[in-house]
Protein backbone atom coordinates (compact mmCIF):
# COMPACT_ATOMS: atom_id res chain seq x y z
CA MET A 1 21.17 39.58 -23.50
CA GLU A 2 17.43 39.80 -22.74
CA GLY A 3 18.06 37.86 -19.51
CA ILE A 4 20.46 40.55 -18.32
CA PHE A 5 17.87 43.28 -18.76
CA GLN A 6 15.16 41.24 -17.07
CA LYS A 7 17.45 40.97 -14.00
CA ILE A 8 18.05 44.71 -14.13
CA ILE A 9 14.31 45.37 -14.20
CA GLN A 10 13.73 43.00 -11.26
CA ARG A 11 16.36 44.81 -9.20
CA LEU A 12 14.98 48.24 -10.07
CA LYS A 13 11.38 47.92 -8.92
CA GLY A 14 9.22 50.97 -8.35
CA PRO A 15 9.68 54.43 -9.93
CA ASN A 16 13.24 53.48 -10.64
CA ILE A 17 14.38 55.89 -13.38
CA SER A 18 13.90 59.65 -13.34
CA ILE A 19 14.73 61.97 -16.24
CA PHE A 20 15.58 65.56 -15.37
CA HIS A 21 14.89 67.75 -18.40
CA GLU A 22 12.60 70.60 -19.42
CA PHE A 23 10.28 68.56 -21.59
CA HIS A 24 8.27 70.24 -24.35
CA HIS A 25 5.45 69.01 -26.53
CA PRO A 26 6.71 68.32 -30.09
CA PRO A 27 7.70 69.76 -32.44
CA TYR A 28 10.75 70.86 -30.48
CA GLY A 29 14.53 70.36 -30.48
CA GLY A 30 16.39 67.09 -31.07
CA GLY A 31 17.34 66.46 -27.44
CA ASN A 32 13.71 66.75 -26.40
CA GLN A 33 12.67 64.37 -29.21
CA PHE A 34 15.25 61.78 -28.22
CA LEU A 35 14.43 61.85 -24.50
CA LEU A 36 10.74 61.38 -25.26
CA ALA A 37 11.59 58.32 -27.36
CA LEU A 38 14.01 56.96 -24.72
CA GLU A 39 11.41 57.43 -21.99
CA LYS A 40 8.91 55.43 -24.07
CA GLU A 41 11.46 52.65 -24.62
CA PHE A 42 12.29 52.42 -20.90
CA LYS A 43 8.57 52.11 -20.08
CA LYS A 44 8.17 49.47 -22.79
CA ARG A 45 10.87 47.44 -21.02
CA GLY A 46 8.95 47.50 -17.74
CA PHE A 47 10.70 50.36 -15.95
CA SER A 48 8.78 53.01 -14.08
CA VAL A 49 9.95 56.40 -15.35
CA GLY A 50 9.43 59.70 -13.56
CA ARG A 51 10.12 63.25 -14.69
CA ASN A 52 12.06 65.73 -12.54
CA LYS A 53 11.39 63.91 -9.28
CA ILE A 54 13.19 61.39 -7.06
CA GLY A 55 11.77 59.05 -4.46
CA LYS A 56 12.97 56.22 -2.24
CA ALA A 57 12.61 53.72 -5.09
CA THR A 58 14.52 55.84 -7.62
CA LYS A 59 17.71 54.04 -8.56
CA ILE A 60 18.86 55.99 -11.62
CA VAL A 61 18.67 59.68 -12.54
CA LEU A 62 19.41 60.73 -16.11
CA PHE A 63 19.87 64.50 -16.28
CA ASN A 64 20.29 66.39 -19.54
CA SER A 65 23.00 68.97 -20.24
CA PHE A 66 21.96 72.04 -18.18
CA ASN A 67 18.25 71.91 -19.05
CA PHE A 68 17.04 71.09 -15.52
CA ASP A 69 16.65 72.60 -12.05
CA PHE A 70 20.17 72.28 -10.61
CA GLU A 71 19.28 73.25 -7.05
CA LYS A 72 16.35 70.86 -6.92
CA LEU A 73 18.39 67.97 -8.26
CA SER A 74 21.31 68.74 -5.90
CA ASN A 75 19.04 68.62 -2.86
CA LEU A 76 17.31 65.43 -3.98
CA LYS A 77 20.64 63.72 -4.67
CA LYS A 78 21.80 64.43 -1.12
CA ARG A 79 18.57 63.00 0.26
CA PHE A 80 18.23 59.82 -1.85
CA SER A 81 21.70 59.13 -3.42
CA PRO A 82 20.64 57.53 -6.74
CA LEU A 83 23.12 56.73 -9.51
CA MET A 84 23.57 59.98 -11.47
CA ILE A 85 24.03 59.84 -15.25
CA HIS A 86 24.74 63.09 -17.12
CA ARG A 87 23.81 63.31 -20.82
CA VAL A 88 25.99 65.91 -22.56
CA ASP A 89 26.11 67.34 -26.06
CA GLY A 90 27.92 70.35 -27.51
CA PRO A 91 30.31 71.97 -26.83
CA ILE A 92 27.70 74.73 -26.95
CA SER A 93 30.34 77.43 -27.46
CA VAL A 94 31.60 75.68 -30.59
CA TYR A 95 28.09 75.29 -31.95
CA ARG A 96 26.97 78.84 -31.11
CA GLY A 97 30.30 80.58 -31.57
CA GLU A 98 29.98 82.01 -28.05
CA ASP A 99 28.85 81.08 -24.50
CA ARG A 100 31.92 79.16 -23.31
CA GLN A 101 30.70 79.90 -19.79
CA ILE A 102 27.76 77.56 -20.43
CA ASP A 103 30.13 74.70 -21.29
CA GLU A 104 32.08 75.38 -18.12
CA LYS A 105 28.82 75.50 -16.16
CA ILE A 106 27.84 72.07 -17.56
CA TRP A 107 31.30 70.73 -16.65
CA GLN A 108 30.94 72.07 -13.09
CA MET A 109 27.49 70.47 -12.80
CA ASN A 110 29.00 67.22 -14.00
CA HIS A 111 31.64 67.20 -11.27
CA LYS A 112 29.15 68.17 -8.59
CA LEU A 113 26.37 65.75 -9.52
CA ALA A 114 27.39 63.01 -11.94
CA ASP A 115 28.69 59.51 -11.40
CA LYS A 116 28.97 58.84 -15.14
CA THR A 117 28.64 60.77 -18.39
CA ILE A 118 27.10 59.91 -21.75
CA PHE A 119 28.26 61.89 -24.78
CA GLN A 120 26.25 61.68 -27.99
CA SER A 121 29.26 61.49 -30.31
CA GLU A 122 32.99 60.96 -30.24
CA TYR A 123 33.27 64.40 -31.81
CA SER A 124 31.56 65.94 -28.78
CA ARG A 125 33.75 64.10 -26.27
CA LYS A 126 36.99 65.06 -28.04
CA LYS A 127 35.97 68.72 -28.48
CA HIS A 128 35.35 69.03 -24.75
CA GLU A 129 38.74 67.46 -24.05
CA GLU A 130 40.39 69.99 -26.39
CA MET A 131 38.82 72.72 -24.24
CA GLY A 132 40.29 71.10 -21.10
CA LEU A 133 36.88 69.90 -19.90
CA ILE A 134 37.18 66.27 -18.76
CA PHE A 135 33.93 64.67 -17.65
CA LYS A 136 33.34 61.82 -15.19
CA GLU A 137 33.56 58.27 -16.58
CA ALA A 138 32.56 59.30 -20.09
CA VAL A 139 31.19 56.93 -22.74
CA VAL A 140 29.70 57.64 -26.18
CA ILE A 141 26.17 56.55 -27.10
CA PRO A 142 24.42 58.18 -30.09
CA ASN A 143 20.79 59.20 -30.17
CA ALA A 144 18.06 57.21 -31.89
CA SER A 145 14.60 58.02 -33.21
CA ASP A 146 11.21 56.51 -32.35
CA PRO A 147 10.87 53.44 -34.64
CA LEU A 148 7.08 53.63 -34.57
CA ILE A 149 7.32 57.01 -36.29
CA PHE A 150 10.61 57.14 -38.19
CA ASN A 151 10.84 54.00 -40.30
CA ARG A 152 10.76 52.96 -43.95
CA GLU A 153 7.07 52.02 -44.09
CA GLY A 154 5.51 53.89 -47.02
CA LYS A 155 8.87 55.20 -48.24
CA VAL A 156 8.66 56.38 -51.86
CA ALA A 157 10.41 54.15 -54.39
CA PRO A 158 13.91 55.15 -55.56
CA PRO A 159 13.95 57.94 -58.15
CA THR A 160 13.51 57.08 -61.82
CA PRO A 161 14.42 59.07 -64.95
CA ASP A 162 10.83 60.16 -65.45
CA ARG A 163 10.56 62.13 -62.21
CA LYS A 164 12.61 64.77 -60.40
CA ILE A 165 14.89 63.74 -57.55
CA ARG A 166 13.42 65.07 -54.31
CA LEU A 167 15.81 66.72 -51.86
CA ILE A 168 14.80 67.70 -48.34
CA ALA A 169 16.33 69.55 -45.40
CA THR A 170 14.79 70.05 -41.96
CA SER A 171 15.63 72.17 -38.93
CA TRP A 172 13.83 73.10 -35.73
CA SER A 173 16.29 75.93 -35.01
CA ASN A 174 16.94 79.05 -37.06
CA ASN A 175 20.55 79.25 -35.79
CA PRO A 176 22.71 80.42 -38.75
CA LYS A 177 25.03 77.46 -38.13
CA LYS A 178 22.17 75.18 -39.22
CA GLY A 179 23.22 76.10 -42.77
CA GLY A 180 20.31 78.17 -43.97
CA LEU A 181 22.48 80.39 -46.17
CA LEU A 182 24.06 77.39 -47.85
CA LEU A 183 20.62 75.94 -48.59
CA ALA A 184 19.56 79.31 -50.02
CA TRP A 185 22.62 79.24 -52.29
CA LEU A 186 21.73 75.72 -53.38
CA ASP A 187 18.15 76.84 -54.02
CA GLU A 188 19.45 79.34 -56.60
CA HIS A 189 22.00 77.03 -58.27
CA LEU A 190 20.17 73.70 -58.31
CA ASP A 191 19.10 72.28 -61.68
CA THR A 192 15.32 72.58 -61.28
CA ASN A 193 14.77 70.38 -64.32
CA LYS A 194 16.33 67.47 -62.41
CA TYR A 195 15.81 68.29 -58.72
CA GLU A 196 13.21 69.76 -56.40
CA LEU A 197 14.03 71.01 -52.90
CA THR A 198 11.86 71.08 -49.77
CA PHE A 199 12.71 72.74 -46.47
CA VAL A 200 10.77 71.92 -43.30
CA GLY A 201 11.14 73.99 -40.14
CA ARG A 202 12.65 77.35 -39.27
CA SER A 203 15.39 79.29 -41.04
CA GLN A 204 16.55 82.87 -41.41
CA ALA A 205 17.26 82.20 -45.11
CA THR A 206 14.97 83.19 -47.97
CA PHE A 207 14.16 80.58 -50.61
CA LYS A 208 13.07 81.39 -54.19
CA ASN A 209 12.34 77.97 -55.66
CA ALA A 210 12.20 75.55 -52.75
CA LYS A 211 8.96 74.45 -51.12
CA VAL A 212 8.94 75.68 -47.52
CA VAL A 213 6.91 73.97 -44.78
CA ASP A 214 6.62 75.20 -41.18
CA ALA A 215 7.80 72.98 -38.33
CA VAL A 216 5.40 70.05 -37.94
CA PRO A 217 4.87 67.24 -35.38
CA SER A 218 7.00 64.12 -35.69
CA GLU A 219 4.34 61.96 -37.30
CA GLU A 220 3.74 64.52 -40.05
CA LEU A 221 7.46 65.10 -40.53
CA ALA A 222 8.06 61.37 -41.00
CA CYS A 223 5.42 61.24 -43.74
CA ILE A 224 7.07 64.18 -45.52
CA LEU A 225 10.53 62.65 -45.24
CA LYS A 226 9.32 59.37 -46.77
CA GLN A 227 8.12 61.22 -49.88
CA HIS A 228 11.67 62.41 -50.57
CA ASP A 229 14.85 60.78 -51.82
CA ILE A 230 17.92 62.50 -50.35
CA TYR A 231 18.38 64.32 -47.05
CA LEU A 232 20.57 67.45 -46.91
CA THR A 233 22.24 68.49 -43.68
CA PRO A 234 24.47 71.57 -43.92
CA SER A 235 24.70 72.29 -40.17
CA GLN A 236 28.07 73.10 -38.64
CA ASP A 237 29.49 71.56 -35.45
CA ASP A 238 26.31 69.62 -34.73
CA PRO A 239 27.29 66.94 -32.18
CA CYS A 240 24.56 64.39 -32.97
CA SER A 241 21.81 65.66 -35.25
CA ASN A 242 18.49 64.09 -34.34
CA ALA A 243 17.04 65.40 -37.62
CA LEU A 244 19.71 63.50 -39.53
CA ILE A 245 19.01 60.31 -37.58
CA GLU A 246 15.29 60.64 -38.30
CA ALA A 247 15.93 60.97 -42.04
CA LEU A 248 18.35 58.04 -42.16
CA SER A 249 15.80 55.95 -40.23
CA CYS A 250 13.26 56.71 -42.96
CA GLY A 251 15.66 55.38 -45.59
CA LEU A 252 17.04 58.63 -47.02
CA PRO A 253 20.74 58.67 -47.95
CA ALA A 254 22.35 61.89 -46.76
CA VAL A 255 24.44 64.61 -48.31
CA PHE A 256 26.12 66.19 -45.29
CA LEU A 257 28.57 68.90 -44.37
CA HIS A 258 31.74 67.22 -43.11
CA SER A 259 31.44 68.71 -39.65
CA GLY A 260 30.57 67.74 -36.10
CA GLY A 261 29.13 64.27 -35.56
CA HIS A 262 27.67 63.90 -39.07
CA PRO A 263 30.35 61.48 -40.38
CA GLU A 264 29.83 59.18 -37.37
CA LEU A 265 26.11 58.94 -38.08
CA VAL A 266 26.12 58.66 -41.89
CA GLN A 267 29.21 56.51 -42.43
CA GLU A 268 28.71 55.00 -45.91
CA GLY A 269 25.03 55.92 -46.17
CA GLY A 270 25.71 59.21 -47.92
CA GLU A 271 28.31 61.62 -49.22
CA ALA A 272 30.09 64.50 -47.51
CA PHE A 273 30.80 67.97 -48.80
CA THR A 274 32.99 70.74 -47.41
CA SER A 275 31.81 73.86 -49.26
CA ASN A 276 29.31 75.21 -51.80
CA ASN A 277 31.68 74.14 -54.56
CA ASP A 278 31.34 70.40 -53.94
CA LEU A 279 27.78 70.33 -52.57
CA ILE A 280 26.16 69.80 -55.97
CA GLN A 281 28.82 67.21 -56.86
CA ALA A 282 27.92 65.26 -53.69
CA ILE A 283 24.23 65.40 -54.60
CA GLU A 284 24.99 64.17 -58.14
CA LYS A 285 27.07 61.30 -56.77
CA VAL A 286 24.37 60.09 -54.40
CA SER A 287 21.71 60.52 -57.10
CA SER A 288 23.73 58.47 -59.59
CA HIS A 289 24.28 55.57 -57.14
CA TYR A 290 21.14 55.93 -55.06
CA THR A 291 20.37 52.31 -54.22
CA GLN A 292 23.96 51.60 -53.25
CA TYR A 293 24.02 54.46 -50.77
CA GLN A 294 20.58 53.57 -49.45
CA SER A 295 21.62 49.96 -48.86
CA LYS A 296 24.54 51.11 -46.69
CA ILE A 297 22.47 53.20 -44.27
CA LYS A 298 23.05 52.00 -40.72
CA VAL A 299 21.34 53.59 -37.75
CA MET A 300 21.47 52.35 -34.17
CA SER A 301 18.00 51.28 -33.06
CA LEU A 302 16.28 52.85 -30.09
CA LYS A 303 16.24 49.42 -28.46
CA THR A 304 20.03 49.12 -28.72
CA VAL A 305 20.54 52.68 -27.50
CA ALA A 306 18.32 52.03 -24.47
CA GLU A 307 20.26 48.85 -23.71
CA LYS A 308 23.54 50.75 -23.86
CA TYR A 309 22.18 53.37 -21.44
CA LEU A 310 21.11 50.59 -19.05
CA LEU A 311 24.50 48.87 -19.25
CA VAL A 312 26.19 52.15 -18.30
CA CYS A 313 23.95 52.18 -15.22
CA GLN A 314 25.13 48.69 -14.24
CA LYS A 315 28.93 49.04 -14.60
């Protein structure tokens, strides 16, 4: 397999990959975090990676959702004709509860610019199809986190009877569909003699007992995650939660709302819930069989994800 990628690198000399995206310095949203990690992995493999520019040596352009300058990219495509790969999440209208026109705009961009499409989850691909939005040569490749940051090094030992079980939830966005109200309900109903809850990030909810930490850079977030036992993700219609991937990568089994792409990411490394009524039951189940759930965590490595992206570019 390594020989294949060495041949790819040899063929793609020069500034051969360009990523079109509005990059932001962390902490920021999951798509931004993933693309920063993917960019680093491409460079590690010997590729020259540019941002929002195309030259004669550019062979591949990876453009993200609608977070780029469409007119600029359209003009550059006509001039240089690189292979165009469109990374798509959503549907945004399902996640936000509005803005279908944005999904249709993304679909139109896809048919005007893209040669191939990468969805982040099977859920996302199918939801677009249900809306009648069929994208060009679509494949599914999940996100991955930076292994130098999100890993199990320094992870706290499994919980014991003499200490409380530490639950944590994180969110960059304060979108109500991130599940802030559900976490606030849990905060009131959780057995504080057995559990403690931490929330990191932004939320419109008000917490009475939980420890609340503002959004922090990735390195600091990873340290906080590793001091906890179970990750909670109550977000609705999330296509491929980067926050969930980061927590799993740090060795935290997940208790997740059965929605969006969560089941694809967690598989047997956690327990699903569907409402407030069975949330605490799911937490109890994971707590009672902690090491079994932890041993079944499987996350796709950034290396493998990068390889899958490169193979799409070669088909």
